C-alpha atoms as a PDB file:
ATOM      1  CA  UNK A   1     -22.118-231.867  27.217  1.00  0.00           C
ATOM      2  CA  UNK A   2     -21.594-231.308  30.919  1.00  0.00           C
ATOM      3  CA  UNK A   3     -17.893-231.454  31.933  1.00  0.00           C
ATOM      4  CA  UNK A   4     -18.820-233.524  34.979  1.00  0.00           C
ATOM      5  CA  UNK A   5     -20.411-236.181  32.758  1.00  0.00           C
ATOM      6  CA  UNK A   6     -17.402-236.153  30.458  1.00  0.00           C
ATOM      7  CA  UNK A   7     -15.213-236.691  33.503  1.00  0.00           C
ATOM      8  CA  UNK A   8     -17.347-239.608  34.612  1.00  0.00           C
ATOM      9  CA  UNK A   9     -17.406-241.111  31.118  1.00  0.00           C
ATOM     10  CA  UNK A  10     -13.683-240.688  30.422  1.00  0.00           C
ATOM     11  CA  UNK A  11     -11.646-240.208  33.586  1.00  0.00           C
ATOM     12  CA  UNK A  12     -13.393-242.758  35.797  1.00  0.00           C
ATOM     13  CA  UNK A  13     -13.050-245.662  33.313  1.00  0.00           C
ATOM     14  CA  UNK A  14      -9.459-244.629  32.562  1.00  0.00           C
ATOM     15  CA  UNK A  15      -8.613-244.814  36.265  1.00  0.00           C
ATOM     16  CA  UNK A  16     -10.446-248.131  36.484  1.00  0.00           C
ATOM     17  CA  UNK A  17      -8.442-249.454  33.534  1.00  0.00           C
ATOM     18  CA  UNK A  18      -5.190-248.413  35.192  1.00  0.00           C
ATOM     19  CA  UNK A  19      -6.108-250.125  38.452  1.00  0.00           C
ATOM     20  CA  UNK A  20      -7.287-253.189  36.520  1.00  0.00           C
ATOM     21  CA  UNK A  21      -3.957-253.379  34.664  1.00  0.00           C
ATOM     22  CA  UNK A  22      -1.968-253.087  37.902  1.00  0.00           C
ATOM     23  CA  UNK A  23      -4.055-255.792  39.585  1.00  0.00           C
ATOM     24  CA  UNK A  24      -3.758-258.107  36.569  1.00  0.00           C
ATOM     25  CA  UNK A  25       0.032-257.616  36.504  1.00  0.00           C
ATOM     26  CA  UNK A  26       0.134-258.336  40.233  1.00  0.00           C
ATOM     27  CA  UNK A  27      -1.750-261.599  39.732  1.00  0.00           C
ATOM     28  CA  UNK A  28       0.332-262.534  36.687  1.00  0.00           C
ATOM     29  CA  UNK A  29       3.807-261.754  37.999  1.00  0.00           C
ATOM     30  CA  UNK A  30       3.385-261.414  41.772  1.00  0.00           C
ATOM     31  CA  UNK A  31       4.399-263.900  44.422  1.00  0.00           C
ATOM     32  CA  UNK A  32       1.572-265.944  45.927  1.00  0.00           C
ATOM     33  CA  UNK A  33       1.811-267.097  49.537  1.00  0.00           C
ATOM     34  CA  UNK A  34      -0.371-268.621  52.213  1.00  0.00           C
ATOM     35  CA  UNK A  35      -0.624-266.523  55.373  1.00  0.00           C
ATOM     36  CA  UNK A  36      -1.968-267.290  58.809  1.00  0.00           C
ATOM     37  CA  UNK A  37      -3.964-264.826  60.887  1.00  0.00           C
ATOM     38  CA  UNK A  38      -2.085-264.286  64.159  1.00  0.00           C
ATOM     39  CA  UNK A  39      -4.254-261.551  65.653  1.00  0.00           C
ATOM     40  CA  UNK A  40      -6.195-258.403  64.956  1.00  0.00           C
ATOM     41  CA  UNK A  41      -5.472-254.688  65.015  1.00  0.00           C
ATOM     42  CA  UNK A  42      -8.314-252.408  66.048  1.00  0.00           C
ATOM     43  CA  UNK A  43      -8.948-249.399  63.851  1.00  0.00           C
ATOM     44  CA  UNK A  44     -10.958-246.846  65.781  1.00  0.00           C
ATOM     45  CA  UNK A  45     -13.477-244.939  63.680  1.00  0.00           C
ATOM     46  CA  UNK A  46     -12.897-241.814  65.732  1.00  0.00           C
ATOM     47  CA  UNK A  47     -15.824-239.371  65.697  1.00  0.00           C
ATOM     48  CA  UNK A  48     -18.029-241.657  63.636  1.00  0.00           C
ATOM     49  CA  UNK A  49     -21.610-242.137  64.753  1.00  0.00           C
ATOM     50  CA  UNK A  50     -21.099-245.908  64.774  1.00  0.00           C
ATOM     51  CA  UNK A  51     -19.382-247.113  67.962  1.00  0.00           C
ATOM     52  CA  UNK A  52     -18.060-250.324  66.420  1.00  0.00           C
ATOM     53  CA  UNK A  53     -14.330-250.419  65.667  1.00  0.00           C
ATOM     54  CA  UNK A  54     -12.944-252.231  62.637  1.00  0.00           C
ATOM     55  CA  UNK A  55     -10.858-255.355  63.247  1.00  0.00           C
ATOM     56  CA  UNK A  56      -8.033-255.686  60.694  1.00  0.00           C
ATOM     57  CA  UNK A  57      -6.268-259.065  60.461  1.00  0.00           C
ATOM     58  CA  UNK A  58      -2.583-259.293  61.381  1.00  0.00           C
ATOM     59  CA  UNK A  59      -0.968-262.028  59.307  1.00  0.00           C
ATOM     60  CA  UNK A  60       2.343-263.869  59.177  1.00  0.00           C
ATOM     61  CA  UNK A  61       3.865-265.537  56.126  1.00  0.00           C
ATOM     62  CA  UNK A  62       7.207-266.566  54.719  1.00  0.00           C
ATOM     63  CA  UNK A  63       8.319-264.379  51.812  1.00  0.00           C
ATOM     64  CA  UNK A  64      10.228-265.593  48.761  1.00  0.00           C
ATOM     65  CA  UNK A  65      13.426-264.296  50.409  1.00  0.00           C
ATOM     66  CA  UNK A  66      12.856-266.804  53.267  1.00  0.00           C
ATOM     67  CA  UNK A  67      12.174-264.033  55.757  1.00  0.00           C
ATOM     68  CA  UNK A  68       9.085-264.142  57.951  1.00  0.00           C
ATOM     69  CA  UNK A  69       6.840-261.144  57.356  1.00  0.00           C
ATOM     70  CA  UNK A  70       4.184-259.904  59.767  1.00  0.00           C
ATOM     71  CA  UNK A  71       1.791-257.208  58.630  1.00  0.00           C
ATOM     72  CA  UNK A  72      -1.698-255.839  59.160  1.00  0.00           C
ATOM     73  CA  UNK A  73      -3.994-256.133  56.161  1.00  0.00           C
ATOM     74  CA  UNK A  74      -6.158-253.177  55.193  1.00  0.00           C
ATOM     75  CA  UNK A  75      -9.491-254.994  55.257  1.00  0.00           C
ATOM     76  CA  UNK A  76     -11.129-258.327  55.953  1.00  0.00           C
ATOM     77  CA  UNK A  77     -13.131-258.329  52.710  1.00  0.00           C
ATOM     78  CA  UNK A  78     -12.612-261.922  51.458  1.00  0.00           C
ATOM     79  CA  UNK A  79     -14.163-263.411  54.567  1.00  0.00           C
ATOM     80  CA  UNK A  80     -17.875-264.206  54.289  1.00  0.00           C
ATOM     81  CA  UNK A  81     -18.081-264.445  58.063  1.00  0.00           C
ATOM     82  CA  UNK A  82     -15.826-263.333  60.848  1.00  0.00           C
ATOM     83  CA  UNK A  83     -12.163-264.296  60.471  1.00  0.00           C
ATOM     84  CA  UNK A  84     -10.522-266.038  63.410  1.00  0.00           C
ATOM     85  CA  UNK A  85      -6.970-266.448  64.640  1.00  0.00           C
ATOM     86  CA  UNK A  86      -5.428-269.432  62.883  1.00  0.00           C
ATOM     87  CA  UNK A  87      -7.413-269.009  59.639  1.00  0.00           C
ATOM     88  CA  UNK A  88      -5.311-269.263  56.486  1.00  0.00           C
ATOM     89  CA  UNK A  89      -5.689-267.038  53.473  1.00  0.00           C
ATOM     90  CA  UNK A  90      -4.041-266.491  50.120  1.00  0.00           C
ATOM     91  CA  UNK A  91      -1.992-263.344  49.577  1.00  0.00           C
ATOM     92  CA  UNK A  92      -0.128-261.954  46.601  1.00  0.00           C
ATOM     93  CA  UNK A  93       2.574-259.290  46.570  1.00  0.00           C
ATOM     94  CA  UNK A  94       4.904-257.668  44.018  1.00  0.00           C
ATOM     95  CA  UNK A  95       8.198-259.503  43.702  1.00  0.00           C
ATOM     96  CA  UNK A  96      10.648-258.048  46.222  1.00  0.00           C
ATOM     97  CA  UNK A  97       7.994-256.136  48.201  1.00  0.00           C
ATOM     98  CA  UNK A  98       6.331-258.512  50.699  1.00  0.00           C
ATOM     99  CA  UNK A  99       5.227-255.544  52.806  1.00  0.00           C
ATOM    100  CA  UNK A 100       2.746-254.662  50.046  1.00  0.00           C
ATOM    101  CA  UNK A 101       0.900-257.979  50.224  1.00  0.00           C
ATOM    102  CA  UNK A 102      -2.824-258.005  49.545  1.00  0.00           C
ATOM    103  CA  UNK A 103      -5.555-260.614  49.291  1.00  0.00           C
ATOM    104  CA  UNK A 104      -5.345-262.875  46.239  1.00  0.00           C
ATOM    105  CA  UNK A 105      -9.130-262.959  46.153  1.00  0.00           C
ATOM    106  CA  UNK A 106     -10.901-261.813  42.949  1.00  0.00           C
ATOM    107  CA  UNK A 107     -13.511-259.835  44.887  1.00  0.00           C
ATOM    108  CA  UNK A 108     -10.965-257.711  46.724  1.00  0.00           C
ATOM    109  CA  UNK A 109      -8.703-257.307  43.676  1.00  0.00           C
ATOM    110  CA  UNK A 110     -11.319-256.371  41.095  1.00  0.00           C
ATOM    111  CA  UNK A 111     -13.971-254.528  43.106  1.00  0.00           C
ATOM    112  CA  UNK A 112     -12.402-251.077  42.620  1.00  0.00           C
ATOM    113  CA  UNK A 113     -12.034-251.397  38.826  1.00  0.00           C
ATOM    114  CA  UNK A 114     -15.612-252.646  38.598  1.00  0.00           C
ATOM    115  CA  UNK A 115     -16.838-249.691  40.630  1.00  0.00           C
ATOM    116  CA  UNK A 116     -15.044-247.396  38.189  1.00  0.00           C
ATOM    117  CA  UNK A 117     -16.559-248.978  35.078  1.00  0.00           C
ATOM    118  CA  UNK A 118     -20.161-249.563  36.182  1.00  0.00           C
ATOM    119  CA  UNK A 119     -21.193-245.897  36.688  1.00  0.00           C
ATOM    120  CA  UNK A 120     -19.628-244.898  33.375  1.00  0.00           C
ATOM    121  CA  UNK A 121     -21.421-247.731  31.571  1.00  0.00           C
ATOM    122  CA  UNK A 122     -24.699-246.780  33.225  1.00  0.00           C
ATOM    123  CA  UNK A 123     -24.353-243.107  32.294  1.00  0.00           C
ATOM    124  CA  UNK A 124     -23.286-244.003  28.764  1.00  0.00           C
ATOM    125  CA  UNK A 125     -26.268-246.308  28.376  1.00  0.00           C
ATOM    126  CA  UNK A 126     -28.599-243.636  29.743  1.00  0.00           C
ATOM    127  CA  UNK A 127     -27.238-241.048  27.285  1.00  0.00           C
ATOM    128  CA  UNK A 128     -27.458-243.509  24.372  1.00  0.00           C
ATOM    129  CA  UNK A 129     -31.067-244.378  25.242  1.00  0.00           C
ATOM    130  CA  UNK A 130     -32.019-240.716  25.628  1.00  0.00           C
ATOM    131  CA  UNK A 131     -30.922-240.032  22.032  1.00  0.00           C
ATOM    132  CA  UNK A 132     -33.347-242.625  20.672  1.00  0.00           C
END
């Protein structure tokens, strides 16, 4: 069998399982907070052919240590539309590390593991059907 296919069938799901475990542990034992969008940071795409810059939400929330934390999130994925200043959203972070907060939205937490499993399942199904 092709080593590339073996890598896709073994390594990709293994990485997906690791990410899935980390995300599940984060949801299970992490600290959940409500944050408010206070502004946006512009991420320039540089030499990309698309002129549009990405707007990343800057949020503020009170951590479990009673300190106020302000950070820029990496994406605006849980918003079906355009987020606005003043919108509230749910975040989760590992206990003691509020600077690593991320969306507590299932789509943003479990998209990467799903993208790791789906190609491997598709290739495995294709190989199984080709042996029939």
